[in-house]
């Protein structure tokens, strides 16, 4: 109950901290008059090459972290899993009085195993993030290769914040793992391929629309001419009928 209340009360604090951090970042950018940093005119191959390099590094980090975590945590996890299976097997045997106690022990061991796995995953994430920060600190970055201008031309405070942001972003990307980077690269590649395909199809679609417009205009012109001819035919028929009536009336009058 206490942990739930703490989580509930921590949310306003986190929200307040985020708002204060955002205000400080905006105020510092205005105070030091930070310049606008543009992006390079990169090709699709350049972007995919950058993702490929980060993907390779993320794979290295994953395998390294997996080795150290398994070396440190795998034995205790296997022991807990063995105890869980042992209690499950005992519960399969029909007993009268021991079922409740065994069930409680099983649930306790399952909770311990779940907590142990959760702690292991948290340790792995933090280790990956620290590896990512270390790799970005030695010079491998994800943001700087995209920028068109020389970072050394920025004011000192903007340089520091830029490098800090770049290292933090690179660390997060590497910590996110190779699968996440692969998904991002796929999304970007699919988007660019779709855009290129639409650009290629646009002239053909425009020509097709022009042909359809010409055909429609010709059809409308023909329909207009047909309507005019029909109207003239109707007027001529009405005039002939009127003339016939007048001739008939004159004939009757002369008789």
Protein backbone atom coordinates (compact mmCIF):
# COMPACT_ATOMS: atom_id res chain seq x y z
CA UNK A 1 0.00 0.00 0.00
CA UNK A 2 2.82 2.34 0.86
CA UNK A 3 4.60 1.82 -2.47
CA UNK A 4 1.38 2.58 -4.38
CA UNK A 5 0.92 5.81 -2.45
CA UNK A 6 4.55 6.75 -3.04
CA UNK A 7 4.18 6.17 -6.77
CA UNK A 8 1.00 8.21 -6.80
CA UNK A 9 2.64 11.09 -4.95
CA UNK A 10 5.84 10.92 -7.03
CA UNK A 11 4.01 11.73 -10.28
CA UNK A 12 3.35 15.42 -9.43
CA UNK A 13 7.00 15.76 -8.39
CA UNK A 14 8.19 14.27 -11.67
CA UNK A 15 5.81 16.51 -13.61
CA UNK A 16 7.05 19.58 -11.73
CA UNK A 17 10.69 18.57 -12.31
CA UNK A 18 10.02 18.13 -16.04
CA UNK A 19 8.36 21.57 -16.28
CA UNK A 20 11.23 23.25 -14.39
CA UNK A 21 13.81 21.50 -16.61
CA UNK A 22 11.96 22.62 -19.76
CA UNK A 23 11.82 26.23 -18.53
CA UNK A 24 15.55 26.19 -17.67
CA UNK A 25 16.46 24.78 -21.12
CA UNK A 26 14.36 27.40 -22.94
CA UNK A 27 15.65 30.24 -20.73
CA UNK A 28 19.28 29.21 -21.24
CA UNK A 29 18.85 29.00 -25.04
CA UNK A 30 17.40 32.54 -25.07
CA UNK A 31 19.94 33.95 -22.60
CA UNK A 32 23.01 32.62 -24.47
CA UNK A 33 21.41 33.27 -27.88
CA UNK A 34 21.87 29.76 -29.24
CA UNK A 35 22.22 29.47 -33.02
CA UNK A 36 20.02 27.37 -35.25
CA UNK A 37 21.81 24.20 -36.35
CA UNK A 38 20.81 22.91 -39.78
CA UNK A 39 20.91 19.37 -41.13
CA UNK A 40 23.08 18.05 -43.94
CA UNK A 41 21.52 17.12 -47.25
CA UNK A 42 22.01 13.41 -46.60
CA UNK A 43 21.04 10.63 -48.96
CA UNK A 44 19.13 7.53 -47.99
CA UNK A 45 22.34 5.50 -48.12
CA UNK A 46 24.07 7.91 -45.69
CA UNK A 47 21.27 7.58 -43.14
CA UNK A 48 21.14 3.79 -43.43
CA UNK A 49 24.93 3.66 -43.08
CA UNK A 50 24.68 5.61 -39.81
CA UNK A 51 21.96 3.26 -38.54
CA UNK A 52 24.08 0.28 -39.62
CA UNK A 53 27.05 1.48 -37.58
CA UNK A 54 24.91 2.06 -34.47
CA UNK A 55 23.24 -1.32 -35.02
CA UNK A 56 26.61 -3.07 -35.10
CA UNK A 57 27.71 -1.30 -31.90
CA UNK A 58 24.41 -2.16 -30.21
CA UNK A 59 24.95 -5.84 -31.07
CA UNK A 60 28.42 -5.72 -29.52
CA UNK A 61 27.03 -4.08 -26.37
CA UNK A 62 24.16 -6.57 -26.10
CA UNK A 63 26.49 -9.57 -26.27
CA UNK A 64 28.92 -8.02 -23.76
CA UNK A 65 26.17 -7.12 -21.29
CA UNK A 66 24.56 -10.54 -21.73
CA UNK A 67 27.86 -12.24 -20.91
CA UNK A 68 28.49 -10.24 -17.73
CA UNK A 69 24.87 -10.44 -16.53
CA UNK A 70 24.70 -14.19 -17.13
CA UNK A 71 28.00 -14.65 -15.36
CA UNK A 72 26.76 -12.70 -12.36
CA UNK A 73 23.03 -13.46 -12.16
CA UNK A 74 22.21 -16.64 -14.10
CA UNK A 75 23.07 -19.13 -11.34
CA UNK A 76 20.69 -17.63 -8.75
CA UNK A 77 17.94 -17.41 -11.37
CA UNK A 78 18.35 -21.08 -12.22
CA UNK A 79 18.15 -22.00 -8.51
CA UNK A 80 14.91 -20.06 -8.08
CA UNK A 81 13.46 -21.61 -11.24
CA UNK A 82 14.43 -25.07 -9.96
CA UNK A 83 12.63 -24.44 -6.64
CA UNK A 84 9.53 -23.23 -8.46
CA UNK A 85 9.44 -26.38 -10.60
CA UNK A 86 10.02 -28.52 -7.50
CA UNK A 87 6.98 -27.06 -5.72
CA UNK A 88 4.88 -27.41 -8.87
CA UNK A 89 5.73 -31.12 -9.06
CA UNK A 90 4.85 -31.59 -5.39
CA UNK A 91 1.48 -29.91 -5.91
CA UNK A 92 0.67 -32.36 -8.70
CA UNK A 93 0.77 -35.20 -6.14
CA UNK A 94 -2.54 -35.51 -4.24
CA UNK A 95 -2.11 -34.55 -0.57
CA UNK A 96 -4.58 -33.46 2.10
CA UNK A 97 -2.97 -30.91 4.40
CA UNK A 98 0.18 -29.75 2.60
CA UNK A 99 -1.54 -28.19 -0.43
CA UNK A 100 -2.11 -24.76 1.11
CA UNK A 101 1.43 -24.48 2.49
CA UNK A 102 2.96 -25.68 -0.76
CA UNK A 103 0.82 -23.23 -2.72
CA UNK A 104 2.00 -20.36 -0.49
CA UNK A 105 5.63 -21.44 -0.90
CA UNK A 106 5.18 -21.73 -4.66
CA UNK A 107 3.66 -18.26 -4.93
CA UNK A 108 6.46 -16.84 -2.78
CA UNK A 109 9.15 -18.44 -4.97
CA UNK A 110 7.39 -17.31 -8.15
CA UNK A 111 7.34 -13.73 -6.83
CA UNK A 112 11.02 -13.99 -5.95
CA UNK A 113 11.82 -15.31 -9.43
CA UNK A 114 9.79 -12.55 -11.07
CA UNK A 115 11.48 -9.87 -8.94
CA UNK A 116 14.89 -11.38 -9.70
CA UNK A 117 14.22 -11.31 -13.46
CA UNK A 118 12.97 -7.73 -13.20
CA UNK A 119 16.09 -6.65 -11.30
CA UNK A 120 18.30 -8.45 -13.83
CA UNK A 121 16.57 -6.68 -16.70
CA UNK A 122 17.00 -3.32 -14.96
CA UNK A 123 20.69 -4.03 -14.38
CA UNK A 124 21.11 -5.00 -18.05
CA UNK A 125 19.40 -1.79 -19.22
CA UNK A 126 21.56 0.41 -17.00
CA UNK A 127 24.71 -1.45 -18.05
CA UNK A 128 23.78 -1.00 -21.74
CA UNK A 129 23.12 2.69 -21.15
CA UNK A 130 26.50 3.16 -19.43
CA UNK A 131 28.22 1.29 -22.26
CA UNK A 132 26.43 3.54 -24.75
CA UNK A 133 27.52 6.67 -22.88
CA UNK A 134 31.09 5.40 -22.74
CA UNK A 135 31.08 4.69 -26.47
CA UNK A 136 29.64 8.12 -27.27
CA UNK A 137 32.16 9.75 -24.92
CA UNK A 138 35.07 8.35 -26.94
CA UNK A 139 33.69 9.98 -30.10
CA UNK A 140 30.99 7.80 -31.72
CA UNK A 141 27.91 10.00 -32.04
CA UNK A 142 24.49 9.84 -33.65
CA UNK A 143 23.52 13.54 -33.87
CA UNK A 144 26.74 15.29 -34.96
CA UNK A 145 27.01 13.38 -38.32
CA UNK A 146 23.60 14.82 -39.28
CA UNK A 147 24.55 18.47 -38.67
CA UNK A 148 25.73 20.67 -41.53
CA UNK A 149 27.76 23.25 -39.60
CA UNK A 150 30.96 22.89 -37.60
CA UNK A 151 30.05 22.55 -33.91
CA UNK A 152 33.20 24.43 -32.89
CA UNK A 153 31.65 27.57 -34.44
CA UNK A 154 28.92 27.59 -31.77
CA UNK A 155 29.26 29.46 -28.50
CA UNK A 156 30.90 27.45 -25.72
CA UNK A 157 27.69 26.88 -23.74
CA UNK A 158 25.81 25.66 -26.83
CA UNK A 159 28.71 23.36 -27.72
CA UNK A 160 28.60 21.80 -24.25
CA UNK A 161 24.82 21.28 -24.34
CA UNK A 162 25.00 19.91 -27.90
CA UNK A 163 27.69 17.35 -27.01
CA UNK A 164 25.83 16.41 -23.81
CA UNK A 165 22.60 15.88 -25.77
CA UNK A 166 24.41 13.94 -28.49
CA UNK A 167 26.08 11.62 -25.99
CA UNK A 168 22.83 11.10 -24.08
CA UNK A 169 20.91 10.35 -27.29
CA UNK A 170 23.58 7.95 -28.53
CA UNK A 171 23.66 6.17 -25.19
CA UNK A 172 19.87 5.76 -25.24
CA UNK A 173 19.88 4.49 -28.84
CA UNK A 174 22.56 1.89 -28.09
CA UNK A 175 20.85 0.91 -24.82
CA UNK A 176 17.57 0.45 -26.72
CA UNK A 177 19.17 -2.52 -28.46
CA UNK A 178 19.75 -3.71 -32.00
CA UNK A 179 16.08 -4.66 -32.52
CA UNK A 180 14.88 -1.10 -31.84
CA UNK A 181 17.53 0.36 -34.18
CA UNK A 182 16.60 -2.18 -36.84
CA UNK A 183 12.93 -1.15 -36.56
CA UNK A 184 13.82 2.55 -36.86
CA UNK A 185 15.98 1.84 -39.92
CA UNK A 186 13.17 -0.19 -41.50
CA UNK A 187 10.60 2.53 -40.86
CA UNK A 188 12.89 5.15 -42.41
CA UNK A 189 13.77 2.95 -45.39
CA UNK A 190 10.11 2.10 -46.08
CA UNK A 191 9.15 5.77 -45.82
CA UNK A 192 11.86 6.85 -48.27
CA UNK A 193 11.05 4.05 -50.72
CA UNK A 194 7.36 4.94 -50.62
CA UNK A 195 8.15 8.63 -51.14
CA UNK A 196 10.43 7.85 -54.11
CA UNK A 197 7.78 5.58 -55.62
CA UNK A 198 5.13 8.29 -55.28
CA UNK A 199 7.49 10.82 -56.85
CA UNK A 200 8.04 8.49 -59.82
CA UNK A 201 4.31 7.83 -60.20
CA UNK A 202 3.35 11.50 -59.96
CA UNK A 203 4.17 12.48 -63.60
CA UNK A 204 2.38 9.39 -64.91
CA UNK A 205 -0.60 10.11 -62.67
CA UNK A 206 -0.60 13.76 -63.79
CA UNK A 207 -0.50 12.71 -67.47
CA UNK A 208 -3.33 10.26 -66.88
CA UNK A 209 -5.39 12.95 -65.16
CA UNK A 210 -4.70 15.34 -68.07
CA UNK A 211 -5.89 12.72 -70.56
CA UNK A 212 -9.00 12.10 -68.48
CA UNK A 213 -9.67 15.85 -68.33
CA UNK A 214 -9.27 16.17 -72.12
CA UNK A 215 -11.59 13.23 -72.71
CA UNK A 216 -14.12 14.64 -70.27
CA UNK A 217 -13.94 18.09 -71.90
CA UNK A 218 -14.47 16.55 -75.36
CA UNK A 219 -17.39 14.52 -74.04
CA UNK A 220 -18.96 17.62 -72.50
CA UNK A 221 -18.47 19.54 -75.77
CA UNK A 222 -20.19 16.75 -77.73
CA UNK A 223 -23.05 16.66 -75.25
CA UNK A 224 -23.41 20.45 -75.53
CA UNK A 225 -23.51 20.27 -79.35
CA UNK A 226 -26.08 17.46 -79.21
CA UNK A 227 -28.24 19.50 -76.84
CA UNK A 228 -28.06 22.52 -79.16
CA UNK A 229 -28.99 20.37 -82.18
CA UNK A 230 -31.88 18.87 -80.27
CA UNK A 231 -33.09 22.32 -79.24
CA UNK A 232 -32.89 23.58 -82.86
CA UNK A 233 -34.71 20.45 -84.08
CA UNK A 234 -37.44 21.01 -81.51
CA UNK A 235 -37.77 24.70 -82.49
CA UNK A 236 -38.00 23.72 -86.16
CA UNK A 237 -40.69 21.13 -85.46
CA UNK A 238 -42.66 23.64 -83.37
CA UNK A 239 -42.36 26.24 -86.14
CA UNK A 240 -43.59 23.73 -88.76
CA UNK A 241 -46.56 22.77 -86.59
CA UNK A 242 -47.41 26.44 -86.04
CA UNK A 243 -47.23 27.07 -89.79
CA UNK A 244 -49.48 24.09 -90.50
CA UNK A 245 -52.04 25.37 -87.98
CA UNK A 246 -52.00 28.83 -89.52
CA UNK A 247 -52.49 27.40 -93.04
CA UNK A 248 -55.33 25.25 -91.80
CA UNK A 249 -57.01 28.24 -90.11
CA UNK A 250 -56.66 30.37 -93.28
CA UNK A 251 -58.18 27.54 -95.36
CA UNK A 252 -61.13 27.26 -93.01
CA UNK A 253 -61.61 31.01 -93.02
CA UNK A 254 -61.63 31.16 -96.86
CA UNK A 255 -64.22 28.38 -97.08
